[in-house]
Each structure stands twice: as structure tokens, then as C-alpha cells.
Protein backbone atom coordinates (compact mmCIF):
# COMPACT_ATOMS: atom_id res chain seq x y z
CA UNK A 1 36.72 -100.22 11.53
CA UNK A 2 35.36 -102.78 9.23
CA UNK A 3 32.45 -102.06 6.34
CA UNK A 4 30.02 -104.54 6.52
CA UNK A 5 29.34 -103.99 10.41
CA UNK A 6 25.75 -104.54 11.20
CA UNK A 7 23.70 -103.16 13.98
CA UNK A 8 19.84 -103.53 15.55
CA UNK A 9 17.74 -101.92 17.60
CA UNK A 10 14.02 -102.35 18.70
CA UNK A 11 11.46 -100.83 20.40
CA UNK A 12 7.44 -101.27 20.80
CA UNK A 13 5.87 -97.85 20.13
CA UNK A 14 4.55 -96.37 23.67
CA UNK A 15 2.90 -92.94 24.13
CA UNK A 16 6.10 -90.90 25.20
CA UNK A 17 7.30 -92.11 21.27
CA UNK A 18 4.42 -90.17 19.68
CA UNK A 19 4.30 -87.30 17.37
CA UNK A 20 1.65 -85.42 19.68
CA UNK A 21 3.90 -85.02 22.34
CA UNK A 22 6.24 -82.62 20.29
CA UNK A 23 3.30 -80.44 20.43
CA UNK A 24 0.20 -79.19 18.35
CA UNK A 25 -0.04 -82.24 16.13
CA UNK A 26 -2.46 -84.04 17.13
CA UNK A 27 -1.33 -87.89 15.72
CA UNK A 28 -1.02 -90.93 17.71
CA UNK A 29 1.78 -92.10 15.72
CA UNK A 30 5.64 -92.53 16.39
CA UNK A 31 7.42 -89.40 15.92
CA UNK A 32 10.37 -88.73 13.41
CA UNK A 33 12.80 -87.87 16.08
CA UNK A 34 11.97 -90.66 18.25
CA UNK A 35 12.51 -93.20 15.08
CA UNK A 36 15.73 -90.96 14.12
CA UNK A 37 16.76 -92.11 18.07
CA UNK A 38 16.20 -95.40 17.02
CA UNK A 39 18.28 -95.29 14.22
CA UNK A 40 21.17 -93.84 15.60
CA UNK A 41 21.16 -96.79 18.48
CA UNK A 42 21.37 -99.45 15.55
CA UNK A 43 24.27 -97.27 14.23
CA UNK A 44 25.75 -97.47 17.92
CA UNK A 45 25.16 -101.12 18.10
CA UNK A 46 27.15 -102.21 14.74
CA UNK A 47 30.55 -100.33 16.21
CA UNK A 48 29.77 -100.80 19.62
CA UNK A 49 32.26 -104.05 20.17
CA UNK A 50 34.52 -102.63 17.95
CA UNK A 51 35.36 -99.29 19.59
CA UNK A 52 38.65 -98.92 22.04
CA UNK A 53 38.19 -97.95 25.32
CA UNK A 54 39.64 -94.45 24.76
CA UNK A 55 37.02 -93.69 21.84
CA UNK A 56 33.64 -92.62 21.58
CA UNK A 57 31.55 -91.99 18.19
CA UNK A 58 29.18 -89.11 17.85
CA UNK A 59 26.55 -88.75 15.49
CA UNK A 60 27.39 -85.65 12.92
CA UNK A 61 24.47 -86.48 10.17
CA UNK A 62 21.21 -88.12 9.63
CA UNK A 63 19.22 -87.55 6.41
CA UNK A 64 15.84 -90.00 6.71
CA UNK A 65 12.84 -90.72 5.05
CA UNK A 66 10.17 -91.49 7.15
CA UNK A 67 7.81 -93.62 4.82
CA UNK A 68 5.02 -94.82 6.94
CA UNK A 69 3.06 -93.99 10.42
CA UNK A 70 3.48 -96.90 13.19
CA UNK A 71 0.69 -96.72 15.88
CA UNK A 72 1.64 -97.33 19.76
CA UNK A 73 1.95 -100.87 20.45
CA UNK A 74 3.65 -101.98 17.93
CA UNK A 75 7.29 -103.14 17.41
CA UNK A 76 10.07 -101.03 15.29
CA UNK A 77 12.87 -102.56 14.31
CA UNK A 78 15.96 -100.15 12.66
CA UNK A 79 18.89 -101.67 11.12
CA UNK A 80 22.34 -100.12 10.24
CA UNK A 81 24.70 -100.83 7.92
CA UNK A 82 28.60 -99.58 8.06
CA UNK A 83 29.24 -99.03 4.57
CA UNK A 84 32.44 -96.98 4.74
CA UNK A 85 34.75 -95.57 6.49
CA UNK A 86 36.89 -92.57 5.90
CA UNK A 87 39.52 -90.98 8.45
CA UNK A 88 37.41 -90.82 11.61
CA UNK A 89 33.97 -90.92 9.59
CA UNK A 90 31.58 -93.60 9.78
CA UNK A 91 28.91 -93.54 6.93
CA UNK A 92 25.84 -95.71 7.86
CA UNK A 93 22.81 -96.70 5.84
CA UNK A 94 19.98 -97.27 7.84
CA UNK A 95 16.32 -98.21 7.70
CA UNK A 96 13.66 -99.44 9.92
CA UNK A 97 10.71 -101.35 9.73
CA UNK A 98 7.44 -102.01 11.82
CA UNK A 99 5.48 -105.10 11.68
CA UNK A 100 3.89 -103.95 8.53
CA UNK A 101 6.08 -102.23 6.25
CA UNK A 102 9.79 -100.52 6.08
CA UNK A 103 8.64 -97.02 7.77
CA UNK A 104 12.21 -95.41 7.31
CA UNK A 105 15.19 -95.34 5.43
CA UNK A 106 18.09 -93.18 5.14
CA UNK A 107 21.85 -92.58 5.81
CA UNK A 108 23.91 -91.62 8.97
CA UNK A 109 27.29 -90.11 9.58
CA UNK A 110 29.13 -90.73 12.85
CA UNK A 111 32.81 -89.86 13.54
CA UNK A 112 35.22 -91.25 16.42
CA UNK A 113 36.87 -89.06 18.74
CA UNK A 114 38.97 -89.57 21.79
CA UNK A 115 36.98 -89.36 24.74
CA UNK A 116 39.37 -87.42 26.60
CA UNK A 117 39.41 -84.52 24.12
CA UNK A 118 35.98 -84.42 23.75
CA UNK A 119 34.73 -84.10 27.48
CA UNK A 120 37.47 -81.52 27.73
CA UNK A 121 36.11 -79.40 24.93
CA UNK A 122 32.39 -79.90 26.74
CA UNK A 123 34.53 -78.74 30.40
CA UNK A 124 36.00 -75.79 28.42
CA UNK A 125 32.84 -74.65 26.84
CA UNK A 126 30.73 -75.10 29.90
CA UNK A 127 33.34 -72.86 31.81
CA UNK A 128 32.87 -69.62 29.37
């Protein structure tokens, strides 16, 4: 993996993406969990073409500041920049913008693991 790789992910905020769907929050704006998913997708896009067939990347950390609310119907674009690589750990800077302003910024960490070993570990856990 090479620092400097970038990825992007976009969405239009829909009813199912709203904070009000999470429970007692009667707010019709993009939820933080859905925003985090968009940021993570941007990081995955940054490295997608650089993974070997036997590798998978797993998100392990996300630190994000949700800066501004985004109403339904607005487009949100998330960006990820691979800032550093340490062994099998990938460090990303992430941010997101809606049509009006910056709505999020943060850091994300992913690890590269063997797909086969990871699936075997999940299989063993399920069997316990």
C-alpha cells in the first residue's frame, strides 16, 4: 500500500439515512452512523485496486467529528486519504461535504488480513 492513495464515496440522503430512524431522536437529518459508513466506504475505495485477491481490509478505528447537519435530498461526498502504513495497519484522513459545507472530518484505521484466515476465525467463533 502506498501513502497518498485517495478514495471517494457519494450518496443522496434518503429517509432511511436519517437520525430519526435510530430511535427517539426526532431529527430529520443524516445520522452519524450512516455518515461513518460513507467515510469508511471512501477508505475502502482508496485501496480497492491495491488489495491482493487473498486479502481483506477491516475497519478497526474511526474518530470522526460530525460538524454539520445534512437534510434529506442533499448529496454528501466523503473523501479518504491514505496517510500512512505501519505493517498491516492503514491510517486514513477522512472528511465529508454536503452541497453547502464541510460536514465531517476525522481519522480511520483499517488492517489488512488474510481473507482465508479471517473467515476461518469467524467460522470457529460461530461454532463455539
